[in-house]
Amino acid sequence: MNGFFHGGKMTLFKAALGFWVGVLVAVSAPAQSSFFKDADYPLGEKLIAENRCVACHVSKVGGNGNAIYKPQGRINTSALLRGMVEQCNTELNLGMFPEEVNSVAAVLNRDHYKFK
């Protein structure tokens, strides 16, 4: 096999695909003020713990992992935040449904980003 479907290239392809699916969903999402209106915050907290998100972030940036959250960086809207969570979901093959991705993003927004 060759091309995108060989070894690590497939992972990169899946991550890029997940990111762009998240962006497309975000573009068609409601206004930011109601973006996380129906989010299940306890579910989001549970999924963050079960999927060891913090441990992954610590392995990437060190410390307590919070340095990965940069509101002034490339993630500067609720829609992009949700897209990034979808990218993690796809890249790590977590199998979360869209409403679960939204719940995780809502918790991250509440705790780190504070988008209105």
N, C-alpha and C. Protein backbone atom coordinates (compact mmCIF):
# COMPACT_ATOMS: atom_id res chain seq x y z
N MET A 1 0.84 -1.18 0.00
CA MET A 1 0.00 0.00 0.00
C MET A 1 0.88 1.24 0.00
N ASN A 2 0.38 2.30 -0.59
CA ASN A 2 1.14 3.54 -0.60
C ASN A 2 0.21 4.73 -0.48
N GLY A 3 0.78 5.90 -0.55
CA GLY A 3 -0.04 7.12 -0.46
C GLY A 3 -0.49 7.39 0.96
N PHE A 4 -1.67 8.02 1.09
CA PHE A 4 -2.17 8.40 2.39
C PHE A 4 -2.54 7.20 3.26
N PHE A 5 -2.67 6.04 2.68
CA PHE A 5 -3.16 4.90 3.43
C PHE A 5 -2.05 3.98 3.90
N HIS A 6 -0.85 4.50 4.04
CA HIS A 6 0.27 3.70 4.49
C HIS A 6 0.84 4.28 5.77
N GLY A 7 0.91 3.47 6.81
CA GLY A 7 1.57 3.86 8.05
C GLY A 7 1.05 5.14 8.65
N GLY A 8 1.97 6.01 9.05
CA GLY A 8 1.63 7.26 9.71
C GLY A 8 0.90 8.24 8.83
N LYS A 9 1.00 8.08 7.53
CA LYS A 9 0.33 9.01 6.64
C LYS A 9 -1.18 8.91 6.81
N MET A 10 -1.69 7.72 7.10
CA MET A 10 -3.13 7.57 7.31
C MET A 10 -3.56 8.33 8.55
N THR A 11 -2.75 8.29 9.59
CA THR A 11 -3.07 9.03 10.82
C THR A 11 -3.13 10.52 10.53
N LEU A 12 -2.18 11.02 9.79
CA LEU A 12 -2.18 12.44 9.43
C LEU A 12 -3.41 12.78 8.59
N PHE A 13 -3.72 11.92 7.64
CA PHE A 13 -4.90 12.12 6.80
C PHE A 13 -6.17 12.15 7.65
N LYS A 14 -6.30 11.18 8.58
CA LYS A 14 -7.49 11.13 9.43
C LYS A 14 -7.59 12.35 10.33
N ALA A 15 -6.45 12.81 10.86
CA ALA A 15 -6.46 14.00 11.71
C ALA A 15 -6.89 15.23 10.92
N ALA A 16 -6.35 15.37 9.71
CA ALA A 16 -6.73 16.52 8.88
C ALA A 16 -8.20 16.44 8.51
N LEU A 17 -8.67 15.25 8.17
CA LEU A 17 -10.08 15.07 7.83
C LEU A 17 -10.96 15.43 9.03
N GLY A 18 -10.58 14.95 10.22
CA GLY A 18 -11.35 15.26 11.42
C GLY A 18 -11.41 16.74 11.70
N PHE A 19 -10.28 17.41 11.53
CA PHE A 19 -10.24 18.85 11.75
C PHE A 19 -11.19 19.57 10.80
N TRP A 20 -11.13 19.23 9.51
CA TRP A 20 -11.96 19.92 8.52
C TRP A 20 -13.43 19.58 8.69
N VAL A 21 -13.74 18.36 9.12
CA VAL A 21 -15.15 18.04 9.42
C VAL A 21 -15.61 18.93 10.57
N GLY A 22 -14.76 19.09 11.58
CA GLY A 22 -15.09 19.96 12.69
C GLY A 22 -15.30 21.40 12.26
N VAL A 23 -14.46 21.87 11.37
CA VAL A 23 -14.60 23.24 10.85
C VAL A 23 -15.91 23.38 10.08
N LEU A 24 -16.23 22.40 9.25
CA LEU A 24 -17.49 22.46 8.50
C LEU A 24 -18.69 22.46 9.43
N VAL A 25 -18.64 21.64 10.45
CA VAL A 25 -19.73 21.62 11.43
C VAL A 25 -19.80 22.97 12.14
N ALA A 26 -18.64 23.51 12.47
CA ALA A 26 -18.59 24.79 13.17
C ALA A 26 -19.14 25.92 12.33
N VAL A 27 -18.86 25.91 11.06
CA VAL A 27 -19.33 26.97 10.18
C VAL A 27 -20.85 26.97 10.11
N SER A 28 -21.45 25.80 10.18
CA SER A 28 -22.90 25.71 10.10
C SER A 28 -23.56 25.73 11.48
N ALA A 29 -22.75 25.92 12.53
CA ALA A 29 -23.28 25.90 13.90
C ALA A 29 -23.99 27.22 14.22
N PRO A 30 -24.79 27.20 15.28
CA PRO A 30 -25.46 28.43 15.69
C PRO A 30 -24.47 29.48 16.18
N ALA A 31 -24.95 30.67 16.38
CA ALA A 31 -24.10 31.76 16.87
C ALA A 31 -23.38 31.35 18.14
N GLN A 32 -22.19 31.91 18.36
CA GLN A 32 -21.38 31.54 19.51
C GLN A 32 -22.11 31.68 20.83
N SER A 33 -22.99 32.64 20.96
CA SER A 33 -23.67 32.85 22.23
C SER A 33 -24.48 31.64 22.65
N SER A 34 -24.91 30.83 21.70
CA SER A 34 -25.68 29.63 22.04
C SER A 34 -24.96 28.34 21.64
N PHE A 35 -23.68 28.45 21.30
CA PHE A 35 -22.94 27.30 20.78
C PHE A 35 -22.98 26.11 21.71
N PHE A 36 -22.82 26.33 23.01
CA PHE A 36 -22.79 25.24 23.98
C PHE A 36 -24.06 25.18 24.82
N LYS A 37 -25.12 25.78 24.31
CA LYS A 37 -26.38 25.88 25.05
C LYS A 37 -26.89 24.52 25.56
N ASP A 38 -26.83 23.51 24.72
CA ASP A 38 -27.37 22.20 25.09
C ASP A 38 -26.30 21.20 25.55
N ALA A 39 -25.12 21.70 25.84
CA ALA A 39 -24.02 20.81 26.23
C ALA A 39 -24.30 20.14 27.58
N ASP A 40 -23.86 18.91 27.70
CA ASP A 40 -23.97 18.14 28.93
C ASP A 40 -22.61 18.24 29.64
N TYR A 41 -22.48 19.19 30.55
CA TYR A 41 -21.20 19.45 31.21
C TYR A 41 -20.70 18.27 32.04
N PRO A 42 -21.56 17.60 32.82
CA PRO A 42 -21.07 16.42 33.55
C PRO A 42 -20.54 15.34 32.60
N LEU A 43 -21.19 15.15 31.46
CA LEU A 43 -20.71 14.18 30.48
C LEU A 43 -19.35 14.61 29.93
N GLY A 44 -19.20 15.89 29.61
CA GLY A 44 -17.92 16.39 29.12
C GLY A 44 -16.80 16.17 30.11
N GLU A 45 -17.07 16.44 31.38
CA GLU A 45 -16.07 16.23 32.44
C GLU A 45 -15.69 14.75 32.53
N LYS A 46 -16.68 13.89 32.45
CA LYS A 46 -16.46 12.44 32.51
C LYS A 46 -15.61 11.97 31.33
N LEU A 47 -15.92 12.46 30.13
CA LEU A 47 -15.18 12.05 28.94
C LEU A 47 -13.74 12.55 28.97
N ILE A 48 -13.52 13.74 29.49
CA ILE A 48 -12.16 14.27 29.62
C ILE A 48 -11.34 13.36 30.54
N ALA A 49 -11.95 12.94 31.65
CA ALA A 49 -11.25 12.05 32.58
C ALA A 49 -11.03 10.66 31.97
N GLU A 50 -12.06 10.08 31.39
CA GLU A 50 -11.97 8.73 30.83
C GLU A 50 -10.96 8.63 29.68
N ASN A 51 -10.88 9.67 28.87
CA ASN A 51 -10.00 9.65 27.71
C ASN A 51 -8.60 10.19 28.01
N ARG A 52 -8.38 10.51 29.27
CA ARG A 52 -7.06 10.96 29.74
C ARG A 52 -6.52 12.14 28.93
N CYS A 53 -7.40 13.09 28.67
CA CYS A 53 -7.03 14.28 27.90
C CYS A 53 -5.90 15.05 28.57
N VAL A 54 -5.98 15.22 29.87
CA VAL A 54 -4.97 16.00 30.58
C VAL A 54 -3.60 15.32 30.46
N ALA A 55 -3.55 14.01 30.60
CA ALA A 55 -2.28 13.29 30.49
C ALA A 55 -1.67 13.47 29.10
N CYS A 56 -2.51 13.45 28.07
CA CYS A 56 -2.03 13.67 26.71
C CYS A 56 -1.48 15.08 26.56
N HIS A 57 -2.19 16.06 27.09
CA HIS A 57 -1.74 17.44 27.00
C HIS A 57 -0.43 17.64 27.76
N VAL A 58 -0.30 17.00 28.93
CA VAL A 58 0.95 17.08 29.70
C VAL A 58 2.10 16.51 28.87
N SER A 59 1.85 15.39 28.18
CA SER A 59 2.91 14.78 27.36
C SER A 59 3.32 15.68 26.20
N LYS A 60 2.41 16.53 25.75
CA LYS A 60 2.71 17.42 24.63
C LYS A 60 3.38 18.72 25.05
N VAL A 61 2.94 19.30 26.19
CA VAL A 61 3.44 20.63 26.57
C VAL A 61 4.10 20.68 27.94
N GLY A 62 4.04 19.59 28.70
CA GLY A 62 4.65 19.56 30.02
C GLY A 62 3.81 20.26 31.07
N GLY A 63 4.39 20.40 32.24
CA GLY A 63 3.69 21.04 33.36
C GLY A 63 2.40 20.33 33.69
N ASN A 64 1.36 21.10 33.91
CA ASN A 64 0.05 20.51 34.20
C ASN A 64 -0.81 20.37 32.94
N GLY A 65 -0.24 20.67 31.78
CA GLY A 65 -0.94 20.52 30.51
C GLY A 65 -1.74 21.74 30.09
N ASN A 66 -1.91 22.70 30.98
CA ASN A 66 -2.74 23.87 30.67
C ASN A 66 -2.14 24.79 29.62
N ALA A 67 -0.84 24.67 29.38
CA ALA A 67 -0.21 25.54 28.38
C ALA A 67 -0.76 25.26 26.98
N ILE A 68 -1.42 24.13 26.80
CA ILE A 68 -1.99 23.80 25.49
C ILE A 68 -3.17 24.71 25.17
N TYR A 69 -3.78 25.29 26.21
CA TYR A 69 -4.93 26.17 26.00
C TYR A 69 -4.44 27.60 25.85
N LYS A 70 -4.52 28.11 24.66
CA LYS A 70 -4.05 29.47 24.39
C LYS A 70 -5.17 30.24 23.71
N PRO A 71 -6.03 30.89 24.50
CA PRO A 71 -7.16 31.61 23.90
C PRO A 71 -6.77 32.63 22.85
N GLN A 72 -5.59 33.21 22.95
CA GLN A 72 -5.17 34.20 21.95
C GLN A 72 -4.45 33.55 20.78
N GLY A 73 -4.32 32.25 20.79
CA GLY A 73 -3.62 31.55 19.72
C GLY A 73 -4.54 31.17 18.58
N ARG A 74 -4.31 30.03 17.99
CA ARG A 74 -5.07 29.63 16.80
C ARG A 74 -6.51 29.24 17.11
N ILE A 75 -6.80 28.90 18.35
CA ILE A 75 -8.17 28.59 18.75
C ILE A 75 -8.75 29.85 19.37
N ASN A 76 -9.52 30.61 18.57
CA ASN A 76 -10.02 31.89 19.07
C ASN A 76 -11.52 32.06 18.89
N THR A 77 -12.22 30.96 18.64
CA THR A 77 -13.69 30.99 18.61
C THR A 77 -14.21 29.66 19.16
N SER A 78 -15.45 29.66 19.56
CA SER A 78 -16.10 28.43 20.02
C SER A 78 -16.09 27.37 18.93
N ALA A 79 -16.30 27.80 17.70
CA ALA A 79 -16.34 26.86 16.58
C ALA A 79 -14.99 26.19 16.37
N LEU A 80 -13.91 26.95 16.45
CA LEU A 80 -12.58 26.36 16.29
C LEU A 80 -12.23 25.45 17.45
N LEU A 81 -12.69 25.79 18.64
CA LEU A 81 -12.48 24.93 19.80
C LEU A 81 -13.15 23.58 19.58
N ARG A 82 -14.39 23.61 19.14
CA ARG A 82 -15.10 22.37 18.88
C ARG A 82 -14.41 21.56 17.78
N GLY A 83 -13.92 22.24 16.76
CA GLY A 83 -13.18 21.59 15.69
C GLY A 83 -11.91 20.92 16.19
N MET A 84 -11.22 21.55 17.12
CA MET A 84 -10.00 20.96 17.67
C MET A 84 -10.33 19.72 18.49
N VAL A 85 -11.41 19.76 19.26
CA VAL A 85 -11.81 18.57 20.02
C VAL A 85 -12.18 17.45 19.06
N GLU A 86 -12.84 17.79 17.96
CA GLU A 86 -13.16 16.78 16.95
C GLU A 86 -11.89 16.21 16.33
N GLN A 87 -10.88 17.05 16.13
CA GLN A 87 -9.62 16.56 15.59
C GLN A 87 -8.98 15.55 16.56
N CYS A 88 -8.97 15.86 17.84
CA CYS A 88 -8.44 14.91 18.83
C CYS A 88 -9.26 13.61 18.80
N ASN A 89 -10.57 13.75 18.74
CA ASN A 89 -11.46 12.58 18.67
C ASN A 89 -11.09 11.69 17.50
N THR A 90 -10.87 12.29 16.34
CA THR A 90 -10.55 11.54 15.13
C THR A 90 -9.13 10.97 15.18
N GLU A 91 -8.18 11.83 15.52
CA GLU A 91 -6.77 11.42 15.53
C GLU A 91 -6.52 10.29 16.52
N LEU A 92 -7.17 10.35 17.67
CA LEU A 92 -6.94 9.35 18.71
C LEU A 92 -7.96 8.22 18.66
N ASN A 93 -8.86 8.28 17.67
CA ASN A 93 -9.88 7.23 17.49
C ASN A 93 -10.67 7.00 18.79
N LEU A 94 -11.16 8.10 19.37
CA LEU A 94 -11.88 8.02 20.64
C LEU A 94 -13.32 7.55 20.47
N GLY A 95 -13.88 7.72 19.29
CA GLY A 95 -15.23 7.24 19.03
C GLY A 95 -16.34 8.07 19.67
N MET A 96 -16.06 9.34 19.95
CA MET A 96 -17.10 10.17 20.54
C MET A 96 -18.11 10.61 19.49
N PHE A 97 -19.35 10.68 19.90
CA PHE A 97 -20.42 11.19 19.04
C PHE A 97 -20.37 12.71 19.05
N PRO A 98 -21.00 13.36 18.06
CA PRO A 98 -20.95 14.83 17.99
C PRO A 98 -21.41 15.53 19.27
N GLU A 99 -22.45 15.03 19.92
CA GLU A 99 -22.91 15.69 21.15
C GLU A 99 -21.89 15.50 22.28
N GLU A 100 -21.12 14.42 22.25
CA GLU A 100 -20.08 14.22 23.25
C GLU A 100 -18.91 15.17 22.99
N VAL A 101 -18.53 15.33 21.73
CA VAL A 101 -17.48 16.28 21.36
C VAL A 101 -17.89 17.68 21.81
N ASN A 102 -19.13 18.03 21.59
CA ASN A 102 -19.63 19.34 21.99
C ASN A 102 -19.58 19.52 23.50
N SER A 103 -19.89 18.46 24.24
CA SER A 103 -19.85 18.54 25.71
C SER A 103 -18.42 18.73 26.21
N VAL A 104 -17.46 18.02 25.61
CA VAL A 104 -16.05 18.20 25.98
C VAL A 104 -15.62 19.63 25.67
N ALA A 105 -15.96 20.11 24.49
CA ALA A 105 -15.59 21.48 24.10
C ALA A 105 -16.22 22.50 25.04
N ALA A 106 -17.44 22.25 25.47
CA ALA A 106 -18.12 23.18 26.38
C ALA A 106 -17.38 23.27 27.72
N VAL A 107 -16.91 22.13 28.22
CA VAL A 107 -16.16 22.13 29.47
C VAL A 107 -14.84 22.89 29.30
N LEU A 108 -14.16 22.64 28.19
CA LEU A 108 -12.90 23.35 27.94
C LEU A 108 -13.14 24.85 27.81
N ASN A 109 -14.25 25.21 27.17
CA ASN A 109 -14.59 26.63 27.05
C ASN A 109 -14.84 27.24 28.43
N ARG A 110 -15.62 26.54 29.23
CA ARG A 110 -15.94 27.04 30.57
C ARG A 110 -14.68 27.21 31.43
N ASP A 111 -13.78 26.22 31.35
CA ASP A 111 -12.63 26.20 32.24
C ASP A 111 -11.40 26.95 31.73
N HIS A 112 -11.28 27.13 30.41
CA HIS A 112 -10.05 27.69 29.87
C HIS A 112 -10.25 28.85 28.90
N TYR A 113 -11.20 28.74 28.00
CA TYR A 113 -11.29 29.71 26.90
C TYR A 113 -12.23 30.88 27.19
N LYS A 114 -13.36 30.61 27.76
CA LYS A 114 -14.32 31.66 28.15
C LYS A 114 -14.91 32.42 26.97
N PHE A 115 -15.12 31.72 25.83
CA PHE A 115 -15.77 32.37 24.69
C PHE A 115 -17.23 32.60 25.04
N LYS A 116 -17.76 33.71 24.61
CA LYS A 116 -19.16 34.06 24.86
C LYS A 116 -20.05 33.50 23.79
